[in-house]
Amino acid sequence: MKRIYFLISFLLVFSLVSGMFCDTSYATDYSMEKCRQMIKLGNEELSDKDVNAAKMYYRRAIQENPYCSDAWAKYDELMKVISKNEPVDWSKLQVQNEQKEEDDPFAVFE
C-alpha cells in the first residue's frame, strides 16, 4: 500500500514540476497573430465593399483572441451598420490602423 502512495505522490510531483517549465507563451502569441491577420483581411474586404466577408473575418478575429478590443470594435461598428436594414453608408465605415501594442492586454504577460 505504501508503494502505491509513493508511486502516486511521485507521479503527482513529477507532473507538477514538469508543468512549471512548459512554455505557454507560444499559444498566446499565435492567437494574437491570427487575430491581427483576420482583422487585416476584414479591413481588406471592407475596403472592397464586401460586408459579409468582413463580418466573417472580424468574427474569426474575436474567436482567435476574445480580448482584442480592436476586433470587437470593428465587429460592433459593422453590426450597427448592417442591423439598420438600409443600404450601407460607406462613409461611416472607416478602416483604421490595427491595435497598438500598448493596448494589448496580453502584453503584460510576455
Protein backbone atom coordinates (compact mmCIF):
# COMPACT_ATOMS: atom_id res chain seq x y z
CA MET A 1 0.00 0.00 0.00
CA LYS A 2 2.88 2.35 0.80
CA ARG A 3 4.35 1.66 -2.63
CA ILE A 4 1.13 2.78 -4.32
CA TYR A 5 1.03 6.00 -2.29
CA PHE A 6 4.68 6.63 -3.04
CA LEU A 7 4.15 5.99 -6.75
CA ILE A 8 1.09 8.27 -6.90
CA SER A 9 2.83 11.06 -4.98
CA PHE A 10 5.92 10.72 -7.19
CA LEU A 11 3.84 10.97 -10.37
CA LEU A 12 1.93 13.94 -8.98
CA VAL A 13 5.10 15.83 -8.04
CA PHE A 14 6.70 14.99 -11.38
CA SER A 15 3.70 16.25 -13.34
CA LEU A 16 3.56 19.48 -11.33
CA VAL A 17 7.28 20.16 -11.74
CA SER A 18 7.31 19.38 -15.45
CA GLY A 19 4.25 21.57 -15.98
CA MET A 20 6.02 24.57 -14.44
CA PHE A 21 8.71 24.57 -17.10
CA CYS A 22 6.45 24.34 -20.13
CA ASP A 23 6.43 27.41 -22.36
CA THR A 24 2.83 28.58 -22.79
CA SER A 25 3.53 31.92 -24.45
CA TYR A 26 3.50 30.39 -27.93
CA ALA A 27 -0.26 29.81 -27.86
CA THR A 28 -0.87 33.41 -26.79
CA ASP A 29 1.44 34.82 -29.45
CA TYR A 30 -0.10 32.61 -32.11
CA SER A 31 -3.66 33.67 -31.25
CA MET A 32 -2.71 37.35 -31.25
CA GLU A 33 -1.02 36.99 -34.63
CA LYS A 34 -4.00 35.12 -36.09
CA CYS A 35 -6.30 37.83 -34.71
CA ARG A 36 -4.25 40.55 -36.40
CA GLN A 37 -4.32 38.61 -39.68
CA MET A 38 -8.10 38.23 -39.50
CA ILE A 39 -8.54 41.96 -38.78
CA LYS A 40 -6.29 42.81 -41.73
CA LEU A 41 -8.31 40.53 -44.03
CA GLY A 42 -11.53 42.04 -42.71
CA ASN A 43 -10.22 45.53 -43.45
CA GLU A 44 -9.32 44.46 -47.00
CA GLU A 45 -12.79 43.02 -47.57
CA LEU A 46 -14.36 46.15 -46.13
CA SER A 47 -12.36 48.35 -48.48
CA ASP A 48 -13.56 46.08 -51.32
CA LYS A 49 -17.12 46.72 -50.03
CA ASP A 50 -17.81 43.07 -49.19
CA VAL A 51 -19.64 43.44 -45.86
CA ASN A 52 -20.42 39.76 -45.29
CA ALA A 53 -16.82 38.63 -45.76
CA ALA A 54 -15.60 41.43 -43.48
CA LYS A 55 -18.09 40.35 -40.82
CA MET A 56 -16.83 36.77 -41.06
CA TYR A 57 -13.18 37.84 -40.69
CA TYR A 58 -13.91 40.10 -37.70
CA ARG A 59 -15.85 37.28 -36.06
CA ARG A 60 -12.93 34.91 -36.60
CA ALA A 61 -10.58 37.52 -35.12
CA ILE A 62 -12.73 37.60 -32.00
CA GLN A 63 -12.68 33.81 -31.83
CA GLU A 64 -8.89 33.78 -32.07
CA ASN A 65 -8.41 36.41 -29.37
CA PRO A 66 -11.54 37.36 -27.40
CA TYR A 67 -9.59 40.06 -25.52
CA CYS A 68 -8.73 42.08 -28.64
CA SER A 69 -10.60 45.37 -28.29
CA ASP A 70 -9.85 46.33 -31.89
CA ALA A 71 -11.60 43.23 -33.25
CA TRP A 72 -14.62 43.82 -31.02
CA ALA A 73 -14.82 47.49 -32.03
CA LYS A 74 -14.69 46.73 -35.74
CA TYR A 75 -17.23 43.92 -35.47
CA ASP A 76 -19.53 46.09 -33.35
CA GLU A 77 -19.41 49.03 -35.75
CA LEU A 78 -20.05 46.78 -38.72
CA MET A 79 -23.01 45.13 -36.99
CA LYS A 80 -24.50 48.54 -36.14
CA VAL A 81 -24.43 49.48 -39.82
CA ILE A 82 -25.76 46.12 -41.03
CA SER A 83 -28.59 45.93 -38.48
CA LYS A 84 -30.30 49.07 -39.79
CA ASN A 85 -31.52 47.15 -42.88
CA GLU A 86 -30.64 50.11 -45.06
CA PRO A 87 -28.08 50.44 -47.82
CA VAL A 88 -24.60 50.60 -46.32
CA ASP A 89 -23.27 54.13 -45.87
CA TRP A 90 -19.58 53.59 -46.63
CA SER A 91 -18.57 56.92 -45.13
CA LYS A 92 -19.40 55.58 -41.65
CA LEU A 93 -17.18 52.53 -42.04
CA GLN A 94 -13.61 53.69 -41.77
CA VAL A 95 -10.74 51.25 -41.96
CA GLN A 96 -8.39 52.23 -39.16
CA ASN A 97 -4.96 51.05 -38.13
CA GLU A 98 -4.60 47.86 -36.16
CA GLN A 99 -4.49 47.66 -32.38
CA LYS A 100 -1.42 49.18 -30.76
CA GLU A 101 0.86 47.02 -28.65
CA GLU A 102 0.27 49.12 -25.51
CA ASP A 103 -3.49 48.48 -25.80
CA ASP A 104 -2.94 44.73 -25.88
CA PRO A 105 -3.99 43.05 -22.59
CA PHE A 106 -1.57 40.17 -23.18
CA ALA A 107 1.46 42.44 -23.46
CA VAL A 108 1.83 42.32 -19.67
CA PHE A 109 2.34 38.55 -19.73
CA GLU A 110 5.01 38.47 -22.41
